[in-house]
C-alpha atoms as a PDB file:
ATOM      1  CA  UNK A   1     131.852 439.942 139.197  1.00  0.00           C
ATOM      2  CA  UNK A   2     133.705 439.276 135.931  1.00  0.00           C
ATOM      3  CA  UNK A   3     131.836 436.428 134.201  1.00  0.00           C
ATOM      4  CA  UNK A   4     133.692 436.640 130.881  1.00  0.00           C
ATOM      5  CA  UNK A   5     135.230 433.159 131.207  1.00  0.00           C
ATOM      6  CA  UNK A   6     131.839 431.643 132.068  1.00  0.00           C
ATOM      7  CA  UNK A   7     130.297 433.273 128.994  1.00  0.00           C
ATOM      8  CA  UNK A   8     133.141 432.026 126.820  1.00  0.00           C
ATOM      9  CA  UNK A   9     132.712 428.510 128.211  1.00  0.00           C
ATOM     10  CA  UNK A  10     128.995 428.567 127.388  1.00  0.00           C
ATOM     11  CA  UNK A  11     129.691 429.784 123.858  1.00  0.00           C
ATOM     12  CA  UNK A  12     132.229 427.006 123.377  1.00  0.00           C
ATOM     13  CA  UNK A  13     129.755 424.474 124.745  1.00  0.00           C
ATOM     14  CA  UNK A  14     127.128 425.640 122.249  1.00  0.00           C
ATOM     15  CA  UNK A  15     129.591 425.271 119.386  1.00  0.00           C
ATOM     16  CA  UNK A  16     130.583 421.771 120.477  1.00  0.00           C
ATOM     17  CA  UNK A  17     126.956 420.680 120.852  1.00  0.00           C
ATOM     18  CA  UNK A  18     126.166 422.067 117.381  1.00  0.00           C
ATOM     19  CA  UNK A  19     129.128 420.154 115.971  1.00  0.00           C
ATOM     20  CA  UNK A  20     128.058 416.898 117.663  1.00  0.00           C
ATOM     21  CA  UNK A  21     124.422 417.319 116.642  1.00  0.00           C
ATOM     22  CA  UNK A  22     125.429 417.639 112.998  1.00  0.00           C
ATOM     23  CA  UNK A  23     127.808 414.684 113.014  1.00  0.00           C
ATOM     24  CA  UNK A  24     127.019 411.835 110.601  1.00  0.00           C
ATOM     25  CA  UNK A  25     128.083 409.351 113.307  1.00  0.00           C
ATOM     26  CA  UNK A  26     126.217 408.460 116.471  1.00  0.00           C
ATOM     27  CA  UNK A  27     127.592 410.264 119.510  1.00  0.00           C
ATOM     28  CA  UNK A  28     126.222 409.595 122.970  1.00  0.00           C
ATOM     29  CA  UNK A  29     127.047 409.662 126.653  1.00  0.00           C
ATOM     30  CA  UNK A  30     126.195 406.694 128.862  1.00  0.00           C
ATOM     31  CA  UNK A  31     126.019 406.737 132.613  1.00  0.00           C
ATOM     32  CA  UNK A  32     127.696 403.903 134.490  1.00  0.00           C
ATOM     33  CA  UNK A  33     124.364 402.040 134.665  1.00  0.00           C
ATOM     34  CA  UNK A  34     124.190 401.749 130.878  1.00  0.00           C
ATOM     35  CA  UNK A  35     121.591 404.447 130.211  1.00  0.00           C
ATOM     36  CA  UNK A  36     121.945 407.174 127.630  1.00  0.00           C
ATOM     37  CA  UNK A  37     122.057 410.630 129.151  1.00  0.00           C
ATOM     38  CA  UNK A  38     122.600 412.267 125.756  1.00  0.00           C
ATOM     39  CA  UNK A  39     122.445 411.109 122.145  1.00  0.00           C
ATOM     40  CA  UNK A  40     122.747 413.177 118.986  1.00  0.00           C
ATOM     41  CA  UNK A  41     120.410 413.296 115.997  1.00  0.00           C
ATOM     42  CA  UNK A  42     122.397 410.760 113.981  1.00  0.00           C
ATOM     43  CA  UNK A  43     122.163 408.371 116.926  1.00  0.00           C
ATOM     44  CA  UNK A  44     118.414 408.762 117.253  1.00  0.00           C
ATOM     45  CA  UNK A  45     118.018 407.989 113.556  1.00  0.00           C
ATOM     46  CA  UNK A  46     120.431 405.031 113.525  1.00  0.00           C
ATOM     47  CA  UNK A  47     118.862 403.355 116.547  1.00  0.00           C
ATOM     48  CA  UNK A  48     115.279 404.095 115.532  1.00  0.00           C
ATOM     49  CA  UNK A  49     114.274 406.285 118.467  1.00  0.00           C
ATOM     50  CA  UNK A  50     111.348 408.602 117.918  1.00  0.00           C
ATOM     51  CA  UNK A  51     112.551 411.191 120.427  1.00  0.00           C
ATOM     52  CA  UNK A  52     115.316 412.024 122.865  1.00  0.00           C
ATOM     53  CA  UNK A  53     112.934 411.167 125.721  1.00  0.00           C
ATOM     54  CA  UNK A  54     112.468 407.640 124.369  1.00  0.00           C
ATOM     55  CA  UNK A  55     116.217 407.173 123.916  1.00  0.00           C
ATOM     56  CA  UNK A  56     116.921 408.155 127.514  1.00  0.00           C
ATOM     57  CA  UNK A  57     114.554 405.515 128.896  1.00  0.00           C
ATOM     58  CA  UNK A  58     115.884 402.485 126.978  1.00  0.00           C
ATOM     59  CA  UNK A  59     118.886 400.721 128.528  1.00  0.00           C
ATOM     60  CA  UNK A  60     121.756 399.879 126.196  1.00  0.00           C
ATOM     61  CA  UNK A  61     121.303 396.221 127.164  1.00  0.00           C
ATOM     62  CA  UNK A  62     118.056 396.225 125.142  1.00  0.00           C
ATOM     63  CA  UNK A  63     119.894 397.299 121.990  1.00  0.00           C
ATOM     64  CA  UNK A  64     122.368 394.437 121.586  1.00  0.00           C
ATOM     65  CA  UNK A  65     121.852 390.810 120.511  1.00  0.00           C
ATOM     66  CA  UNK A  66     122.472 388.475 123.465  1.00  0.00           C
ATOM     67  CA  UNK A  67     125.860 387.280 122.182  1.00  0.00           C
ATOM     68  CA  UNK A  68     127.132 390.829 121.639  1.00  0.00           C
ATOM     69  CA  UNK A  69     125.758 391.987 124.995  1.00  0.00           C
ATOM     70  CA  UNK A  70     127.685 389.210 126.733  1.00  0.00           C
ATOM     71  CA  UNK A  71     130.858 390.263 124.907  1.00  0.00           C
ATOM     72  CA  UNK A  72     130.182 393.894 125.788  1.00  0.00           C
ATOM     73  CA  UNK A  73     129.808 393.151 129.505  1.00  0.00           C
ATOM     74  CA  UNK A  74     132.676 390.675 129.797  1.00  0.00           C
ATOM     75  CA  UNK A  75     135.268 392.168 127.465  1.00  0.00           C
ATOM     76  CA  UNK A  76     134.505 395.659 126.231  1.00  0.00           C
ATOM     77  CA  UNK A  77     133.343 397.571 129.300  1.00  0.00           C
ATOM     78  CA  UNK A  78     136.050 396.131 131.611  1.00  0.00           C
ATOM     79  CA  UNK A  79     138.624 397.192 129.011  1.00  0.00           C
ATOM     80  CA  UNK A  80     137.132 400.704 128.897  1.00  0.00           C
ATOM     81  CA  UNK A  81     137.220 400.984 132.682  1.00  0.00           C
ATOM     82  CA  UNK A  82     140.793 399.679 132.784  1.00  0.00           C
ATOM     83  CA  UNK A  83     142.476 401.506 129.892  1.00  0.00           C
ATOM     84  CA  UNK A  84     140.074 404.354 129.184  1.00  0.00           C
ATOM     85  CA  UNK A  85     139.037 403.299 125.690  1.00  0.00           C
ATOM     86  CA  UNK A  86     138.017 400.483 123.351  1.00  0.00           C
ATOM     87  CA  UNK A  87     137.417 400.405 119.599  1.00  0.00           C
ATOM     88  CA  UNK A  88     136.076 397.634 117.405  1.00  0.00           C
ATOM     89  CA  UNK A  89     133.125 396.250 115.476  1.00  0.00           C
ATOM     90  CA  UNK A  90     129.970 395.052 117.192  1.00  0.00           C
ATOM     91  CA  UNK A  91     126.284 394.568 116.416  1.00  0.00           C
ATOM     92  CA  UNK A  92     123.402 396.668 117.650  1.00  0.00           C
ATOM     93  CA  UNK A  93     119.639 396.579 117.074  1.00  0.00           C
ATOM     94  CA  UNK A  94     117.385 399.264 115.696  1.00  0.00           C
ATOM     95  CA  UNK A  95     114.855 399.848 118.486  1.00  0.00           C
ATOM     96  CA  UNK A  96     111.913 400.414 116.115  1.00  0.00           C
ATOM     97  CA  UNK A  97     112.487 397.731 113.481  1.00  0.00           C
ATOM     98  CA  UNK A  98     114.604 395.179 115.330  1.00  0.00           C
ATOM     99  CA  UNK A  99     117.093 395.150 112.429  1.00  0.00           C
ATOM    100  CA  UNK A 100     120.550 394.059 113.550  1.00  0.00           C
ATOM    101  CA  UNK A 101     123.186 396.524 112.388  1.00  0.00           C
ATOM    102  CA  UNK A 102     126.942 396.091 112.064  1.00  0.00           C
ATOM    103  CA  UNK A 103     128.664 399.142 113.531  1.00  0.00           C
ATOM    104  CA  UNK A 104     132.114 400.327 114.488  1.00  0.00           C
ATOM    105  CA  UNK A 105     132.146 401.478 118.096  1.00  0.00           C
ATOM    106  CA  UNK A 106     134.559 403.615 120.043  1.00  0.00           C
ATOM    107  CA  UNK A 107     134.088 403.832 123.808  1.00  0.00           C
ATOM    108  CA  UNK A 108     135.877 406.488 125.859  1.00  0.00           C
ATOM    109  CA  UNK A 109     135.877 406.582 129.658  1.00  0.00           C
ATOM    110  CA  UNK A 110     134.959 410.019 131.002  1.00  0.00           C
ATOM    111  CA  UNK A 111     136.524 410.855 134.360  1.00  0.00           C
ATOM    112  CA  UNK A 112     135.630 413.484 136.951  1.00  0.00           C
ATOM    113  CA  UNK A 113     138.044 416.371 136.247  1.00  0.00           C
ATOM    114  CA  UNK A 114     138.631 417.006 139.964  1.00  0.00           C
ATOM    115  CA  UNK A 115     138.967 413.583 141.565  1.00  0.00           C
ATOM    116  CA  UNK A 116     139.595 411.427 138.470  1.00  0.00           C
ATOM    117  CA  UNK A 117     136.992 408.734 139.097  1.00  0.00           C
ATOM    118  CA  UNK A 118     134.934 407.454 136.127  1.00  0.00           C
ATOM    119  CA  UNK A 119     131.583 409.205 135.785  1.00  0.00           C
ATOM    120  CA  UNK A 120     130.385 408.258 132.270  1.00  0.00           C
ATOM    121  CA  UNK A 121     131.270 406.609 128.963  1.00  0.00           C
ATOM    122  CA  UNK A 122     131.393 408.455 125.665  1.00  0.00           C
ATOM    123  CA  UNK A 123     130.368 406.529 122.548  1.00  0.00           C
ATOM    124  CA  UNK A 124     131.095 407.218 118.890  1.00  0.00           C
ATOM    125  CA  UNK A 125     129.349 404.757 116.572  1.00  0.00           C
ATOM    126  CA  UNK A 126     129.636 404.477 112.795  1.00  0.00           C
ATOM    127  CA  UNK A 127     127.148 402.575 110.660  1.00  0.00           C
ATOM    128  CA  UNK A 128     129.058 399.979 108.617  1.00  0.00           C
ATOM    129  CA  UNK A 129     126.214 399.183 106.227  1.00  0.00           C
ATOM    130  CA  UNK A 130     127.407 401.516 103.422  1.00  0.00           C
ATOM    131  CA  UNK A 131     130.946 400.149 103.728  1.00  0.00           C
ATOM    132  CA  UNK A 132     129.788 396.527 103.770  1.00  0.00           C
ATOM    133  CA  UNK A 133     127.460 397.154 100.824  1.00  0.00           C
ATOM    134  CA  UNK A 134     130.320 398.729  98.855  1.00  0.00           C
ATOM    135  CA  UNK A 135     132.585 395.749  99.617  1.00  0.00           C
ATOM    136  CA  UNK A 136     129.863 393.328  98.524  1.00  0.00           C
ATOM    137  CA  UNK A 137     129.270 395.300  95.314  1.00  0.00           C
ATOM    138  CA  UNK A 138     133.011 395.206  94.583  1.00  0.00           C
ATOM    139  CA  UNK A 139     133.149 391.468  95.285  1.00  0.00           C
ATOM    140  CA  UNK A 140     130.150 390.892  92.990  1.00  0.00           C
ATOM    141  CA  UNK A 141     131.770 393.012  90.284  1.00  0.00           C
ATOM    142  CA  UNK A 142     135.049 391.113  90.553  1.00  0.00           C
ATOM    143  CA  UNK A 143     133.194 387.800  90.444  1.00  0.00           C
ATOM    144  CA  UNK A 144     131.313 388.895  87.325  1.00  0.00           C
ATOM    145  CA  UNK A 145     134.525 390.097  85.680  1.00  0.00           C
ATOM    146  CA  UNK A 146     136.266 386.797  86.392  1.00  0.00           C
ATOM    147  CA  UNK A 147     133.317 384.883  84.944  1.00  0.00           C
ATOM    148  CA  UNK A 148     133.456 387.016  81.808  1.00  0.00           C
ATOM    149  CA  UNK A 149     137.223 386.675  81.380  1.00  0.00           C
ATOM    150  CA  UNK A 150     137.069 382.937  82.063  1.00  0.00           C
ATOM    151  CA  UNK A 151     134.544 382.546  79.239  1.00  0.00           C
ATOM    152  CA  UNK A 152     136.697 384.502  76.775  1.00  0.00           C
ATOM    153  CA  UNK A 153     138.232 382.464  73.909  1.00  0.00           C
ATOM    154  CA  UNK A 154     141.237 384.812  74.129  1.00  0.00           C
ATOM    155  CA  UNK A 155     143.925 384.391  76.779  1.00  0.00           C
ATOM    156  CA  UNK A 156     143.832 387.461  79.044  1.00  0.00           C
ATOM    157  CA  UNK A 157     146.573 388.572  81.430  1.00  0.00           C
ATOM    158  CA  UNK A 158     147.719 391.372  83.711  1.00  0.00           C
ATOM    159  CA  UNK A 159     151.097 392.372  85.125  1.00  0.00           C
ATOM    160  CA  UNK A 160     152.370 394.749  87.787  1.00  0.00           C
ATOM    161  CA  UNK A 161     154.802 397.618  87.145  1.00  0.00           C
ATOM    162  CA  UNK A 162     157.806 395.269  87.510  1.00  0.00           C
ATOM    163  CA  UNK A 163     156.501 392.919  84.832  1.00  0.00           C
ATOM    164  CA  UNK A 164     155.375 390.194  87.216  1.00  0.00           C
ATOM    165  CA  UNK A 165     152.236 388.493  85.892  1.00  0.00           C
ATOM    166  CA  UNK A 166     149.494 388.680  88.537  1.00  0.00           C
ATOM    167  CA  UNK A 167     146.510 387.333  86.569  1.00  0.00           C
ATOM    168  CA  UNK A 168     145.804 384.967  83.687  1.00  0.00           C
ATOM    169  CA  UNK A 169     142.377 383.705  82.728  1.00  0.00           C
ATOM    170  CA  UNK A 170     141.158 380.152  82.306  1.00  0.00           C
ATOM    171  CA  UNK A 171     141.858 380.151  78.561  1.00  0.00           C
ATOM    172  CA  UNK A 172     145.614 380.464  79.123  1.00  0.00           C
ATOM    173  CA  UNK A 173     145.468 377.724  81.752  1.00  0.00           C
ATOM    174  CA  UNK A 174     143.590 375.472  79.307  1.00  0.00           C
ATOM    175  CA  UNK A 175     146.102 376.185  76.527  1.00  0.00           C
ATOM    176  CA  UNK A 176     149.194 375.643  78.622  1.00  0.00           C
ATOM    177  CA  UNK A 177     148.009 372.844  80.881  1.00  0.00           C
ATOM    178  CA  UNK A 178     149.728 374.600  83.803  1.00  0.00           C
ATOM    179  CA  UNK A 179     148.199 375.806  87.040  1.00  0.00           C
ATOM    180  CA  UNK A 180     147.502 379.441  87.831  1.00  0.00           C
ATOM    181  CA  UNK A 181     150.415 379.509  90.274  1.00  0.00           C
ATOM    182  CA  UNK A 182     152.817 378.141  87.633  1.00  0.00           C
ATOM    183  CA  UNK A 183     151.799 380.913  85.223  1.00  0.00           C
ATOM    184  CA  UNK A 184     152.171 383.860  87.626  1.00  0.00           C
ATOM    185  CA  UNK A 185     155.266 385.972  88.227  1.00  0.00           C
ATOM    186  CA  UNK A 186     157.754 385.007  85.521  1.00  0.00           C
ATOM    187  CA  UNK A 187     156.519 381.413  85.390  1.00  0.00           C
ATOM    188  CA  UNK A 188     154.758 382.024  82.080  1.00  0.00           C
ATOM    189  CA  UNK A 189     158.118 382.388  80.311  1.00  0.00           C
ATOM    190  CA  UNK A 190     158.977 378.760  81.041  1.00  0.00           C
ATOM    191  CA  UNK A 191     155.931 377.711  79.018  1.00  0.00           C
ATOM    192  CA  UNK A 192     157.271 379.389  75.869  1.00  0.00           C
ATOM    193  CA  UNK A 193     159.291 377.492  73.274  1.00  0.00           C
ATOM    194  CA  UNK A 194     162.973 377.689  74.260  1.00  0.00           C
ATOM    195  CA  UNK A 195     163.885 379.266  70.906  1.00  0.00           C
ATOM    196  CA  UNK A 196     161.479 382.160  71.559  1.00  0.00           C
ATOM    197  CA  UNK A 197     162.044 382.801  75.273  1.00  0.00           C
ATOM    198  CA  UNK A 198     164.955 385.247  75.021  1.00  0.00           C
ATOM    199  CA  UNK A 199     163.205 387.384  72.388  1.00  0.00           C
ATOM    200  CA  UNK A 200     159.939 387.503  74.314  1.00  0.00           C
ATOM    201  CA  UNK A 201     161.656 388.373  77.624  1.00  0.00           C
ATOM    202  CA  UNK A 202     163.745 391.145  76.019  1.00  0.00           C
ATOM    203  CA  UNK A 203     160.731 392.633  74.209  1.00  0.00           C
ATOM    204  CA  UNK A 204     158.670 392.601  77.410  1.00  0.00           C
ATOM    205  CA  UNK A 205     161.456 394.253  79.430  1.00  0.00           C
ATOM    206  CA  UNK A 206     161.844 396.927  76.759  1.00  0.00           C
ATOM    207  CA  UNK A 207     158.112 397.682  76.858  1.00  0.00           C
ATOM    208  CA  UNK A 208     158.231 397.982  80.647  1.00  0.00           C
ATOM    209  CA  UNK A 209     161.152 400.425  80.538  1.00  0.00           C
ATOM    210  CA  UNK A 210     159.659 402.507  77.711  1.00  0.00           C
ATOM    211  CA  UNK A 211     156.050 402.250  78.959  1.00  0.00           C
ATOM    212  CA  UNK A 212     155.117 401.287  75.425  1.00  0.00           C
ATOM    213  CA  UNK A 213     152.713 398.781  73.912  1.00  0.00           C
ATOM    214  CA  UNK A 214     153.988 395.237  74.151  1.00  0.00           C
ATOM    215  CA  UNK A 215     153.526 392.967  71.141  1.00  0.00           C
ATOM    216  CA  UNK A 216     155.331 389.743  70.310  1.00  0.00           C
ATOM    217  CA  UNK A 217     154.731 386.356  68.694  1.00  0.00           C
ATOM    218  CA  UNK A 218     155.866 383.090  70.241  1.00  0.00           C
ATOM    219  CA  UNK A 219     155.178 379.378  70.377  1.00  0.00           C
ATOM    220  CA  UNK A 220     153.943 377.301  73.296  1.00  0.00           C
ATOM    221  CA  UNK A 221     153.480 373.585  73.612  1.00  0.00           C
ATOM    222  CA  UNK A 222     149.757 373.507  74.223  1.00  0.00           C
ATOM    223  CA  UNK A 223     147.982 370.584  75.840  1.00  0.00           C
ATOM    224  CA  UNK A 224     146.595 369.421  72.490  1.00  0.00           C
ATOM    225  CA  UNK A 225     149.128 370.735  69.930  1.00  0.00           C
ATOM    226  CA  UNK A 226     151.938 373.254  69.404  1.00  0.00           C
ATOM    227  CA  UNK A 227     150.364 376.697  69.266  1.00  0.00           C
ATOM    228  CA  UNK A 228     151.506 380.052  67.857  1.00  0.00           C
ATOM    229  CA  UNK A 229     150.387 383.028  69.966  1.00  0.00           C
ATOM    230  CA  UNK A 230     150.560 386.765  69.570  1.00  0.00           C
ATOM    231  CA  UNK A 231     150.636 388.658  72.869  1.00  0.00           C
ATOM    232  CA  UNK A 232     149.584 392.295  73.040  1.00  0.00           C
ATOM    233  CA  UNK A 233     149.700 394.393  76.204  1.00  0.00           C
ATOM    234  CA  UNK A 234     148.657 397.978  76.858  1.00  0.00           C
ATOM    235  CA  UNK A 235     150.430 400.007  79.576  1.00  0.00           C
ATOM    236  CA  UNK A 236     148.147 401.067  82.444  1.00  0.00           C
ATOM    237  CA  UNK A 237     148.315 404.111  84.739  1.00  0.00           C
ATOM    238  CA  UNK A 238     146.604 405.065  87.992  1.00  0.00           C
ATOM    239  CA  UNK A 239     144.937 408.393  88.740  1.00  0.00           C
ATOM    240  CA  UNK A 240     148.319 409.862  89.700  1.00  0.00           C
ATOM    241  CA  UNK A 241     149.694 408.971  86.242  1.00  0.00           C
ATOM    242  CA  UNK A 242     151.958 406.305  87.742  1.00  0.00           C
ATOM    243  CA  UNK A 243     152.634 403.274  85.557  1.00  0.00           C
ATOM    244  CA  UNK A 244     150.986 400.214  87.129  1.00  0.00           C
ATOM    245  CA  UNK A 245     151.692 397.461  84.590  1.00  0.00           C
ATOM    246  CA  UNK A 246     150.045 395.931  81.542  1.00  0.00           C
ATOM    247  CA  UNK A 247     146.671 394.516  80.606  1.00  0.00           C
ATOM    248  CA  UNK A 248     146.807 392.248  77.576  1.00  0.00           C
END
């Protein structure tokens, strides 16, 4: 009997199992009763199981907060059975610590290859904690930067590559007496003394076209007195060397 194809299938199965076992994401197979029949190493670690044997005895219903479990039973699983898949964010509990984790889940219905009836559900789960921590760190950094720029005695501004102003700090708002919205885009030009507007606009447009440093003096009618300003802007580039605007 020629068993070459069977041998090749077993070799392929070994390769796939090795790939799954070394995945950074949880990968598991659930039976239709909600019990794990297989879970990879990343899944054991994420969910706090001490062994594969422990993981196979804990129903999935024990791993979700009540609200998420209700959503899972009423919305997610019916959608998986109907369409064959579902993807979205949900919460799950670490079995050892009880910590509630935010994860991205993908459910895939697995059908019998011969008769086509559902026999299991495949799960791919990604831990969102690193992503959420990075977003929070970025938000904290932006908040700190805005606090620093707001405290600056110098008016600070940014523009995009087309010369539209997309940020001014509190100092400029205090000087001009205008709102942030009134200062964005090309609104800032209307705050400049009418005798200086044409010169300032032409100099700024020239700097945009030449990607050169922008520097110009002009007058504004400040909230407390007429004020002479000197604006300086440095051209900025992204990692691809594309011009992205000015910081000044």
